[in-house]
C-alpha atoms as a PDB file:
ATOM      1  CA  MET A   1     128.798  63.973 105.827  1.00  0.00           C
ATOM      2  CA  PRO A   2     126.422  62.372 108.262  1.00  0.00           C
ATOM      3  CA  ILE A   3     125.386  63.916 111.599  1.00  0.00           C
ATOM      4  CA  LYS A   4     126.628  61.956 114.573  1.00  0.00           C
ATOM      5  CA  PRO A   5     124.616  61.507 117.774  1.00  0.00           C
ATOM      6  CA  ILE A   6     127.131  63.527 119.795  1.00  0.00           C
ATOM      7  CA  ASP A   7     126.609  66.486 117.469  1.00  0.00           C
ATOM      8  CA  LEU A   8     122.845  66.280 117.942  1.00  0.00           C
ATOM      9  CA  GLN A   9     123.257  66.141 121.705  1.00  0.00           C
ATOM     10  CA  THR A  10     125.423  69.293 121.627  1.00  0.00           C
ATOM     11  CA  LEU A  11     123.018  71.117 119.320  1.00  0.00           C
ATOM     12  CA  PHE A  12     119.944  70.256 121.428  1.00  0.00           C
ATOM     13  CA  SER A  13     121.635  71.517 124.588  1.00  0.00           C
ATOM     14  CA  GLN A  14     122.436  74.859 122.910  1.00  0.00           C
ATOM     15  CA  LEU A  15     119.111  75.169 121.091  1.00  0.00           C
ATOM     16  CA  GLU A  16     117.525  77.285 123.838  1.00  0.00           C
ATOM     17  CA  GLN A  17     120.481  79.696 123.888  1.00  0.00           C
ATOM     18  CA  VAL A  18     120.428  80.040 120.093  1.00  0.00           C
ATOM     19  CA  GLY A  19     116.706  80.858 120.186  1.00  0.00           C
ATOM     20  CA  ARG A  20     117.302  83.586 122.771  1.00  0.00           C
ATOM     21  CA  GLU A  21     120.142  85.092 120.740  1.00  0.00           C
ATOM     22  CA  ARG A  22     118.038  85.158 117.562  1.00  0.00           C
ATOM     23  CA  ALA A  23     115.092  86.806 119.349  1.00  0.00           C
ATOM     24  CA  ALA A  24     117.400  89.390 120.906  1.00  0.00           C
ATOM     25  CA  GLY A  25     118.980  89.990 117.515  1.00  0.00           C
ATOM     26  CA  LYS A  26     115.603  90.610 115.894  1.00  0.00           C
ATOM     27  CA  ASP A  27     114.522  92.910 118.722  1.00  0.00           C
ATOM     28  CA  GLY A  28     117.872  94.669 118.603  1.00  0.00           C
ATOM     29  CA  ASN A  29     117.609  95.288 114.872  1.00  0.00           C
ATOM     30  CA  VAL A  30     114.099  96.666 115.255  1.00  0.00           C
ATOM     31  CA  GLY A  31     115.271  98.836 118.162  1.00  0.00           C
ATOM     32  CA  LEU A  32     118.203 100.147 116.139  1.00  0.00           C
ATOM     33  CA  LEU A  33     115.916 100.891 113.213  1.00  0.00           C
ATOM     34  CA  GLN A  34     113.476 102.763 115.455  1.00  0.00           C
ATOM     35  CA  GLN A  35     116.306 104.752 117.036  1.00  0.00           C
ATOM     36  CA  SER A  36     117.653 105.602 113.610  1.00  0.00           C
ATOM     37  CA  LEU A  37     114.239 106.803 112.411  1.00  0.00           C
ATOM     38  CA  GLN A  38     113.727 108.887 115.552  1.00  0.00           C
ATOM     39  CA  GLY A  39     117.173 110.420 115.149  1.00  0.00           C
ATOM     40  CA  MET A  40     116.439 111.337 111.540  1.00  0.00           C
ATOM     41  CA  ALA A  41     113.096 112.887 112.536  1.00  0.00           C
ATOM     42  CA  GLN A  42     114.770 114.954 115.259  1.00  0.00           C
ATOM     43  CA  LEU A  43     117.493 116.090 112.850  1.00  0.00           C
ATOM     44  CA  LYS A  44     114.879 117.144 110.281  1.00  0.00           C
ATOM     45  CA  LYS A  45     112.941 119.025 112.973  1.00  0.00           C
ATOM     46  CA  ARG A  46     116.092 120.864 114.104  1.00  0.00           C
ATOM     47  CA  GLU A  47     116.896 121.857 110.513  1.00  0.00           C
ATOM     48  CA  GLU A  48     113.366 123.224 110.033  1.00  0.00           C
ATOM     49  CA  GLU A  49     113.624 125.180 113.298  1.00  0.00           C
ATOM     50  CA  ALA A  50     116.968 126.621 112.211  1.00  0.00           C
ATOM     51  CA  LYS A  51     115.515 127.773 108.884  1.00  0.00           C
ATOM     52  CA  ALA A  52     112.328 129.167 110.407  1.00  0.00           C
ATOM     53  CA  VAL A  53     111.997 132.890 111.056  1.00  0.00           C
ATOM     54  CA  ARG A  54     111.084 133.628 114.650  1.00  0.00           C
ATOM     55  CA  LYS A  55     110.000 136.776 116.397  1.00  0.00           C
ATOM     56  CA  PRO A  56     112.471 138.050 118.958  1.00  0.00           C
ATOM     57  CA  GLU A  57     111.611 137.215 122.515  1.00  0.00           C
ATOM     58  CA  ALA A  58     110.495 140.100 124.708  1.00  0.00           C
ATOM     59  CA  SER A  59     113.217 140.776 127.210  1.00  0.00           C
ATOM     60  CA  GLU A  60     113.288 142.897 130.328  1.00  0.00           C
ATOM     61  CA  ASN A  61     116.855 143.899 129.541  1.00  0.00           C
ATOM     62  CA  GLN A  62     115.977 145.153 126.106  1.00  0.00           C
ATOM     63  CA  ALA A  63     118.060 148.045 124.804  1.00  0.00           C
ATOM     64  CA  PRO A  64     116.352 151.439 124.686  1.00  0.00           C
ATOM     65  CA  GLY A  65     115.552 153.110 121.377  1.00  0.00           C
ATOM     66  CA  VAL A  66     118.221 155.087 119.548  1.00  0.00           C
ATOM     67  CA  ASN A  67     118.284 158.812 120.309  1.00  0.00           C
ATOM     68  CA  ASP A  68     118.997 161.074 117.396  1.00  0.00           C
ATOM     69  CA  ARG A  69     120.359 164.610 117.281  1.00  0.00           C
ATOM     70  CA  GLU A  70     117.092 166.208 118.229  1.00  0.00           C
ATOM     71  CA  GLY A  71     117.200 164.527 121.616  1.00  0.00           C
ATOM     72  CA  GLY A  72     114.506 161.918 121.725  1.00  0.00           C
ATOM     73  CA  ASN A  73     113.373 158.602 120.416  1.00  0.00           C
ATOM     74  CA  ARG A  74     111.660 158.386 117.084  1.00  0.00           C
ATOM     75  CA  GLU A  75     108.550 157.009 118.751  1.00  0.00           C
ATOM     76  CA  GLU A  76     108.428 160.029 121.024  1.00  0.00           C
ATOM     77  CA  ARG A  77     108.714 162.491 118.123  1.00  0.00           C
ATOM     78  CA  SER A  78     106.228 160.788 115.854  1.00  0.00           C
ATOM     79  CA  GLY A  79     102.776 162.239 116.357  1.00  0.00           C
ATOM     80  CA  SER A  80     102.010 164.235 119.444  1.00  0.00           C
ATOM     81  CA  ARG A  81     103.990 164.099 122.663  1.00  0.00           C
ATOM     82  CA  LYS A  82     102.343 163.219 125.918  1.00  0.00           C
ATOM     83  CA  GLY A  83     103.375 164.354 129.350  1.00  0.00           C
ATOM     84  CA  LYS A  84     103.508 162.371 132.573  1.00  0.00           C
ATOM     85  CA  ASP A  85      99.733 162.606 133.064  1.00  0.00           C
ATOM     86  CA  GLY A  86      98.973 161.532 129.496  1.00  0.00           C
ATOM     87  CA  GLU A  87      98.154 165.072 128.382  1.00  0.00           C
ATOM     88  CA  GLU A  88      99.481 166.361 125.086  1.00  0.00           C
ATOM     89  CA  VAL A  89     102.461 168.679 125.398  1.00  0.00           C
ATOM     90  CA  ALA A  90     103.244 171.402 122.871  1.00  0.00           C
ATOM     91  CA  GLU A  91     106.283 170.647 120.745  1.00  0.00           C
ATOM     92  CA  GLU A  92     109.441 172.542 121.535  1.00  0.00           C
ATOM     93  CA  PRO A  93     111.062 174.498 118.723  1.00  0.00           C
ATOM     94  CA  ALA A  94     114.089 172.854 117.163  1.00  0.00           C
ATOM     95  CA  PRO A  95     117.425 174.344 118.242  1.00  0.00           C
ATOM     96  CA  ASN A  96     119.247 176.560 115.760  1.00  0.00           C
ATOM     97  CA  VAL A  97     121.620 174.365 113.839  1.00  0.00           C
ATOM     98  CA  ILE A  98     123.856 175.881 111.219  1.00  0.00           C
ATOM     99  CA  THR A  99     124.840 173.534 108.443  1.00  0.00           C
ATOM    100  CA  ASP A 100     127.293 174.002 105.618  1.00  0.00           C
ATOM    101  CA  PRO A 101     125.719 173.311 102.202  1.00  0.00           C
ATOM    102  CA  GLU A 102     129.133 172.267 100.830  1.00  0.00           C
ATOM    103  CA  LEU A 103     129.662 169.744 103.617  1.00  0.00           C
ATOM    104  CA  GLY A 104     129.791 166.206 102.246  1.00  0.00           C
ATOM    105  CA  SER A 105     129.487 167.169  98.599  1.00  0.00           C
ATOM    106  CA  ARG A 106     133.189 166.737  97.796  1.00  0.00           C
ATOM    107  CA  VAL A 107     135.264 163.621  98.173  1.00  0.00           C
ATOM    108  CA  ASP A 108     139.071 163.653  98.296  1.00  0.00           C
ATOM    109  CA  ILE A 109     140.304 160.738  96.179  1.00  0.00           C
ATOM    110  CA  SER A 110     143.965 161.796  96.010  1.00  0.00           C
ATOM    111  CA  GLY A 111     144.810 159.705  99.044  1.00  0.00           C
END
């Protein structure tokens, strides 16, 4: 099938537009590839951050330490106590607590 002169005239008039479309297509494919690679890198980074162990952030609204039965934090009881001026304070005697030796040694399994 031979090419007719009218076909050549039509092709030459659209040649510039075809060249622009091909260049945009190549740039678009490269751009899509780069976006895809960046997306994969960000996803990998997020997964690594999720798996990583981080130290808790220091917060002003942090909860105070747990008080136990002896009325004080564990940090306060460990070692020597210090008063308001930083001087060591003598430890107070523990209050008299009566405990039952049988308490907690038997379990009722009858229901």
